[in-house]
Protein backbone atom coordinates (compact mmCIF):
# COMPACT_ATOMS: atom_id res chain seq x y z
CA MET A 1 84.74 142.45 -106.45
CA SER A 2 82.18 140.55 -108.45
CA LYS A 3 81.46 136.94 -107.69
CA ASP A 4 82.88 136.07 -111.14
CA ASN A 5 86.32 137.14 -109.89
CA CYS A 6 85.90 135.90 -106.30
CA ILE A 7 88.59 133.40 -105.32
CA PHE A 8 86.32 131.78 -102.71
CA CYS A 9 83.55 131.32 -105.30
CA LYS A 10 86.08 129.58 -107.53
CA ILE A 11 87.25 127.39 -104.64
CA ALA A 12 83.63 126.60 -103.68
CA LYS A 13 82.94 125.48 -107.25
CA GLY A 14 86.09 123.33 -107.33
CA GLU A 15 87.73 125.49 -110.02
CA ILE A 16 90.69 126.11 -107.69
CA PRO A 17 91.99 123.24 -105.56
CA SER A 18 91.79 123.42 -101.77
CA ALA A 19 92.61 121.21 -98.82
CA THR A 20 88.94 120.45 -98.27
CA ILE A 21 87.96 118.62 -95.09
CA TYR A 22 84.19 118.77 -95.57
CA GLU A 23 81.71 119.82 -98.23
CA ASP A 24 78.02 119.63 -98.91
CA SER A 25 75.61 121.41 -101.22
CA HIS A 26 75.82 124.63 -99.15
CA PHE A 27 79.38 124.86 -97.78
CA ARG A 28 83.01 123.96 -98.21
CA VAL A 29 85.34 123.69 -95.23
CA MET A 30 89.02 123.92 -96.03
CA MET A 31 92.35 124.34 -94.36
CA ASP A 32 93.55 127.96 -94.34
CA ILE A 33 96.66 128.27 -96.57
CA ASN A 34 98.08 130.91 -94.19
CA PRO A 35 97.07 129.44 -90.83
CA ALA A 36 97.27 131.23 -87.50
CA THR A 37 97.70 127.84 -85.82
CA LYS A 38 97.78 124.14 -86.67
CA GLY A 39 94.34 123.14 -87.96
CA HIS A 40 93.07 126.66 -88.81
CA CYS A 41 90.04 126.13 -91.09
CA LEU A 42 87.67 128.29 -93.10
CA ILE A 43 83.99 127.66 -93.66
CA ILE A 44 82.76 129.27 -96.87
CA PRO A 45 79.25 129.20 -98.26
CA ARG A 46 79.01 128.06 -101.86
CA GLU A 47 76.68 130.97 -102.56
CA HIS A 48 78.40 134.35 -102.67
CA PHE A 49 77.67 136.75 -99.83
CA ASP A 50 80.04 139.70 -99.44
CA ASN A 51 79.71 139.79 -95.65
CA ILE A 52 77.39 139.19 -92.70
CA TYR A 53 75.18 142.11 -93.76
CA ASP A 54 74.27 140.19 -96.94
CA LEU A 55 73.88 136.79 -95.28
CA ASP A 56 70.33 135.47 -94.81
CA GLY A 57 69.24 134.01 -91.48
CA GLU A 58 68.84 130.46 -92.75
CA THR A 59 72.39 130.34 -94.14
CA ALA A 60 73.73 131.95 -90.96
CA GLY A 61 72.06 129.26 -88.85
CA LYS A 62 73.44 126.48 -91.03
CA ILE A 63 76.98 127.88 -91.00
CA PHE A 64 77.07 128.15 -87.22
CA SER A 65 75.60 124.67 -86.84
CA LEU A 66 78.37 123.37 -89.11
CA ALA A 67 80.94 125.37 -87.11
CA THR A 68 80.04 123.44 -83.93
CA CYS A 69 80.57 120.13 -85.74
CA ILE A 70 83.91 121.21 -87.23
CA ALA A 71 85.06 122.67 -83.89
CA ARG A 72 84.39 119.36 -82.14
CA ALA A 73 86.25 117.48 -84.88
CA LEU A 74 89.24 119.82 -84.56
CA LYS A 75 89.30 119.33 -80.80
CA ASP A 76 89.10 115.53 -81.15
CA ALA A 77 91.68 115.31 -83.95
CA LEU A 78 94.17 117.89 -82.71
CA GLY A 79 93.69 118.05 -78.95
CA CYS A 80 93.51 121.84 -79.02
CA GLU A 81 92.84 123.55 -75.71
CA GLY A 82 90.51 126.23 -77.05
CA MET A 83 89.02 127.71 -80.20
CA ASN A 84 88.58 131.19 -81.63
CA ILE A 85 85.78 131.58 -84.13
CA VAL A 86 86.42 134.77 -86.07
CA GLN A 87 84.46 136.49 -88.79
CA ASN A 88 85.52 139.86 -90.24
CA ASN A 89 83.27 142.27 -92.17
CA GLY A 90 84.81 145.00 -94.30
CA GLU A 91 88.40 146.04 -94.81
CA ILE A 92 88.40 148.15 -91.65
CA ALA A 93 87.62 144.97 -89.68
CA GLY A 94 90.32 142.92 -91.38
CA GLN A 95 88.30 141.21 -94.14
CA THR A 96 90.69 140.49 -97.01
CA VAL A 97 88.46 138.29 -99.19
CA MET A 98 85.07 139.86 -99.80
CA HIS A 99 83.17 136.57 -99.59
CA PHE A 100 81.65 135.74 -96.20
CA HIS A 101 83.80 133.18 -94.39
CA LEU A 102 84.22 131.93 -90.86
CA HIS A 103 87.63 131.18 -89.35
CA LEU A 104 87.97 128.32 -86.87
CA ILE A 105 91.30 128.78 -85.14
CA PRO A 106 92.36 126.01 -82.76
CA ARG A 107 94.25 127.38 -79.77
CA TYR A 108 97.21 125.83 -77.98
CA LYS A 109 99.22 126.86 -74.94
CA ASP A 110 101.93 129.38 -75.92
CA ASP A 111 100.73 129.61 -79.56
CA GLU A 112 101.30 133.41 -79.54
CA VAL A 113 98.10 134.14 -81.50
CA LYS A 114 96.56 137.49 -80.56
CA VAL A 115 92.80 137.96 -80.94
CA GLY A 116 91.23 140.74 -78.94
CA TRP A 117 90.80 144.42 -78.21
CA VAL A 118 91.50 147.01 -75.56
CA PRO A 119 88.40 147.55 -73.38
CA HIS A 120 87.25 151.15 -73.05
CA ALA A 121 85.23 152.73 -70.26
CA SER A 122 81.66 153.80 -70.91
CA ASP A 123 79.06 155.58 -68.87
CA GLU A 124 75.45 154.65 -68.15
CA LYS A 125 74.00 157.49 -70.23
CA GLU A 126 76.02 156.50 -73.29
CA LEU A 127 75.13 152.82 -72.89
CA GLU A 128 71.43 153.67 -72.61
CA GLU A 129 71.55 155.84 -75.75
CA LEU A 130 73.29 153.05 -77.66
CA ARG A 131 70.87 150.43 -76.35
CA ARG A 132 67.86 152.46 -77.47
CA ALA A 133 69.32 153.18 -80.94
CA ILE A 134 70.24 149.55 -81.55
CA LYS A 135 66.94 148.23 -80.21
CA ALA A 136 65.06 150.59 -82.53
CA ALA A 137 67.06 149.31 -85.50
CA ILE A 138 66.24 145.64 -84.83
């Protein structure tokens, strides 16, 4: 999808209304219209990035700095007992809007939200091969 047709680009520009809780020249933070829990927010950069692979380091640093501020505000305002910070990349990983965004999901006792995976066993040889391949790619 091009950024001309991107719903998050339109929201970031103010062309589509949102329940915005914070904005600056780089980001808009809004309430998710289909929340997992009470207070579920999205942080979206105003500039279009499809996913984390396109995101530059400076923007990544700023978005995670903002996430700590918003997370503290959610905890203070809502009294949540925990927080999931989720970011999906690609359809296979659950990304439904192809504009980088970060979910802040306040967690409450018995909220029935499921975020996780099934751990799999690995062996030392496989881990070492993976470590070497990833290290070489950095």
